């Protein structure tokens, strides 16, 4: 999952604990317990995090 630098830093520092994404075909296969890779979008050097999914919130659009 690609993240902009400010979101990447916020997650890495622990003050952002929720990441919202469109539930498209690619992300609809993510389940609780999965580990996802988060990659810093701008500078790849040192910009890789792994996080375990503890909860999923599905919101209805409309």
Protein backbone atom coordinates (compact mmCIF):
# COMPACT_ATOMS: atom_id res chain seq x y z
CA UNK A 1 0.00 0.00 0.00
CA UNK A 2 1.53 3.33 -1.01
CA UNK A 3 1.37 6.27 1.39
CA UNK A 4 2.34 9.92 1.09
CA UNK A 5 5.16 11.03 3.36
CA UNK A 6 2.96 12.76 5.96
CA UNK A 7 0.64 9.74 6.35
CA UNK A 8 3.60 7.36 6.43
CA UNK A 9 5.28 9.39 9.19
CA UNK A 10 2.04 9.67 11.20
CA UNK A 11 1.49 5.91 11.11
CA UNK A 12 5.13 5.19 11.90
CA UNK A 13 5.06 7.58 14.88
CA UNK A 14 1.81 6.05 16.16
CA UNK A 15 -0.51 9.07 16.08
CA UNK A 16 -2.42 7.83 13.03
CA UNK A 17 -4.03 4.45 13.66
CA UNK A 18 -6.62 4.24 10.87
CA UNK A 19 -6.03 4.23 7.12
CA UNK A 20 -9.08 4.60 4.86
CA UNK A 21 -9.10 3.09 1.39
CA UNK A 22 -11.63 2.37 -1.31
CA UNK A 23 -12.85 -1.22 -0.98
CA UNK A 24 -11.98 -2.07 -4.57
CA UNK A 25 -11.10 -5.50 -5.97
CA UNK A 26 -7.48 -5.23 -4.81
CA UNK A 27 -8.32 -4.37 -1.19
CA UNK A 28 -11.47 -6.44 -0.79
CA UNK A 29 -9.27 -9.49 -0.14
CA UNK A 30 -7.73 -7.92 2.99
CA UNK A 31 -8.88 -9.68 6.17
CA UNK A 32 -8.39 -9.27 9.91
CA UNK A 33 -5.08 -10.90 10.81
CA UNK A 34 -3.41 -10.10 7.48
CA UNK A 35 -0.11 -8.22 7.47
CA UNK A 36 0.09 -5.43 4.93
CA UNK A 37 3.13 -3.65 3.56
CA UNK A 38 3.07 0.15 3.62
CA UNK A 39 5.52 1.89 1.32
CA UNK A 40 6.44 5.57 1.46
CA UNK A 41 5.36 7.01 -1.90
CA UNK A 42 8.01 9.71 -2.31
CA UNK A 43 11.30 8.33 -0.99
CA UNK A 44 11.56 4.57 -0.93
CA UNK A 45 14.80 4.44 1.08
CA UNK A 46 13.88 3.46 4.62
CA UNK A 47 10.21 3.80 3.80
CA UNK A 48 8.75 0.38 4.44
CA UNK A 49 6.43 -0.67 7.27
CA UNK A 50 4.52 -3.85 8.01
CA UNK A 51 1.28 -3.70 9.98
CA UNK A 52 -1.19 -6.34 11.08
CA UNK A 53 -4.90 -5.73 10.44
CA UNK A 54 -6.81 -5.87 13.74
CA UNK A 55 -10.16 -4.47 12.60
CA UNK A 56 -11.90 -3.63 9.34
CA UNK A 57 -14.63 -1.03 9.06
CA UNK A 58 -16.74 -1.15 5.92
CA UNK A 59 -18.68 2.03 5.22
CA UNK A 60 -21.65 2.28 2.90
CA UNK A 61 -21.30 4.93 0.22
CA UNK A 62 -24.13 7.14 -0.75
